[in-house]
Amino acid sequence: MCNGEYVVDIHRCWTTQGVGPVDTMWALVRHFDADGQVDRVVNLSGDQHQMDNYVWANFPLAPLPARLA
């Protein structure tokens, strides 16, 4: 879907890798400025709680000193 300012891409994201499989829909929204260049992008999950749980289970944060460096 698109108009003069936005293009919206609806797609499915799934994986069976890692802890907690993922299967959700996403909307990737791109906004174009007056020169036709992308100036904003928003990626919206159809199930943000599922994605949060997956990310936290599979990609732990680095130790605090490394995150502050």
C-alpha atoms as a PDB file:
ATOM      1  CA  MET A   1       0.000   0.000   0.000  1.00  0.00           C
ATOM      2  CA  CYS A   2       1.334   3.484  -0.751  1.00  0.00           C
ATOM      3  CA  ASN A   3       0.411   7.110  -1.308  1.00  0.00           C
ATOM      4  CA  GLY A   4       2.452  10.253  -1.962  1.00  0.00           C
ATOM      5  CA  GLU A   5       4.230  10.108   1.396  1.00  0.00           C
ATOM      6  CA  TYR A   6       4.102   6.546   2.736  1.00  0.00           C
ATOM      7  CA  VAL A   7       4.818   2.991   1.662  1.00  0.00           C
ATOM      8  CA  VAL A   8       3.576   0.198   3.926  1.00  0.00           C
ATOM      9  CA  ASP A   9       4.990  -3.315   3.637  1.00  0.00           C
ATOM     10  CA  ILE A  10       3.004  -6.045   5.433  1.00  0.00           C
ATOM     11  CA  HIS A  11       4.995  -9.232   5.903  1.00  0.00           C
ATOM     12  CA  ARG A  12       5.177 -12.370   8.006  1.00  0.00           C
ATOM     13  CA  CYS A  13       8.193 -13.062  10.209  1.00  0.00           C
ATOM     14  CA  TRP A  14       8.739 -16.533  11.583  1.00  0.00           C
ATOM     15  CA  THR A  15      11.505 -18.709  12.934  1.00  0.00           C
ATOM     16  CA  THR A  16      11.900 -22.023  14.691  1.00  0.00           C
ATOM     17  CA  GLN A  17      15.445 -21.187  15.829  1.00  0.00           C
ATOM     18  CA  GLY A  18      16.301 -20.306  19.389  1.00  0.00           C
ATOM     19  CA  VAL A  19      14.078 -20.322  22.453  1.00  0.00           C
ATOM     20  CA  GLY A  20      10.406 -19.721  21.761  1.00  0.00           C
ATOM     21  CA  PRO A  21       9.413 -19.873  18.122  1.00  0.00           C
ATOM     22  CA  VAL A  22       8.137 -16.690  16.481  1.00  0.00           C
ATOM     23  CA  ASP A  23       5.293 -16.361  13.999  1.00  0.00           C
ATOM     24  CA  THR A  24       3.873 -12.864  13.647  1.00  0.00           C
ATOM     25  CA  MET A  25       2.932 -10.235  11.116  1.00  0.00           C
ATOM     26  CA  TRP A  26       4.819  -6.946  10.737  1.00  0.00           C
ATOM     27  CA  ALA A  27       4.032  -3.602   9.159  1.00  0.00           C
ATOM     28  CA  LEU A  28       7.099  -1.724   7.908  1.00  0.00           C
ATOM     29  CA  VAL A  29       6.103   1.912   7.334  1.00  0.00           C
ATOM     30  CA  ARG A  30       8.423   4.180   5.318  1.00  0.00           C
ATOM     31  CA  HIS A  31       7.857   7.919   5.061  1.00  0.00           C
ATOM     32  CA  PHE A  32       9.283   9.890   2.134  1.00  0.00           C
ATOM     33  CA  ASP A  33      10.256  13.568   2.310  1.00  0.00           C
ATOM     34  CA  ALA A  34       9.570  16.157  -0.403  1.00  0.00           C
ATOM     35  CA  ASP A  35      12.718  15.035  -2.297  1.00  0.00           C
ATOM     36  CA  GLY A  36      11.519  11.431  -2.421  1.00  0.00           C
ATOM     37  CA  GLN A  37      14.036  10.221   0.164  1.00  0.00           C
ATOM     38  CA  VAL A  38      13.118   7.971   3.078  1.00  0.00           C
ATOM     39  CA  ASP A  39      13.325  10.067   6.234  1.00  0.00           C
ATOM     40  CA  ARG A  40      11.484   7.854   8.746  1.00  0.00           C
ATOM     41  CA  VAL A  41      10.929   4.130   9.138  1.00  0.00           C
ATOM     42  CA  VAL A  42       8.727   2.410  11.729  1.00  0.00           C
ATOM     43  CA  ASN A  43       8.505  -1.368  12.120  1.00  0.00           C
ATOM     44  CA  LEU A  44       5.360  -2.498  13.970  1.00  0.00           C
ATOM     45  CA  SER A  45       4.890  -6.040  15.255  1.00  0.00           C
ATOM     46  CA  GLY A  46       1.501  -7.717  15.247  1.00  0.00           C
ATOM     47  CA  ASP A  47       2.484  -9.350  18.561  1.00  0.00           C
ATOM     48  CA  GLN A  48       5.034  -7.215  20.387  1.00  0.00           C
ATOM     49  CA  HIS A  49       4.878  -9.359  23.547  1.00  0.00           C
ATOM     50  CA  GLN A  50       5.876 -12.452  21.549  1.00  0.00           C
ATOM     51  CA  MET A  51       8.803 -10.570  19.995  1.00  0.00           C
ATOM     52  CA  ASP A  52       9.922  -9.129  23.353  1.00  0.00           C
ATOM     53  CA  ASN A  53       9.913 -12.599  24.908  1.00  0.00           C
ATOM     54  CA  TYR A  54      11.869 -14.032  21.967  1.00  0.00           C
ATOM     55  CA  VAL A  55      14.500 -11.282  21.954  1.00  0.00           C
ATOM     56  CA  TRP A  56      15.051 -11.376  25.733  1.00  0.00           C
ATOM     57  CA  ALA A  57      15.313 -15.205  25.708  1.00  0.00           C
ATOM     58  CA  ASN A  58      17.791 -15.347  22.801  1.00  0.00           C
ATOM     59  CA  PHE A  59      19.869 -12.160  22.983  1.00  0.00           C
ATOM     60  CA  PRO A  60      20.975 -11.420  26.561  1.00  0.00           C
ATOM     61  CA  LEU A  61      22.397  -8.016  27.347  1.00  0.00           C
ATOM     62  CA  ALA A  62      26.147  -7.595  27.705  1.00  0.00           C
ATOM     63  CA  PRO A  63      27.413  -7.077  31.276  1.00  0.00           C
ATOM     64  CA  LEU A  64      26.716  -3.584  32.551  1.00  0.00           C
ATOM     65  CA  PRO A  65      30.290  -2.194  32.210  1.00  0.00           C
ATOM     66  CA  ALA A  66      30.379  -3.195  28.526  1.00  0.00           C
ATOM     67  CA  ARG A  67      27.017  -1.537  27.875  1.00  0.00           C
ATOM     68  CA  LEU A  68      28.226   1.731  29.409  1.00  0.00           C
ATOM     69  CA  ALA A  69      31.512   1.836  27.505  1.00  0.00           C
END
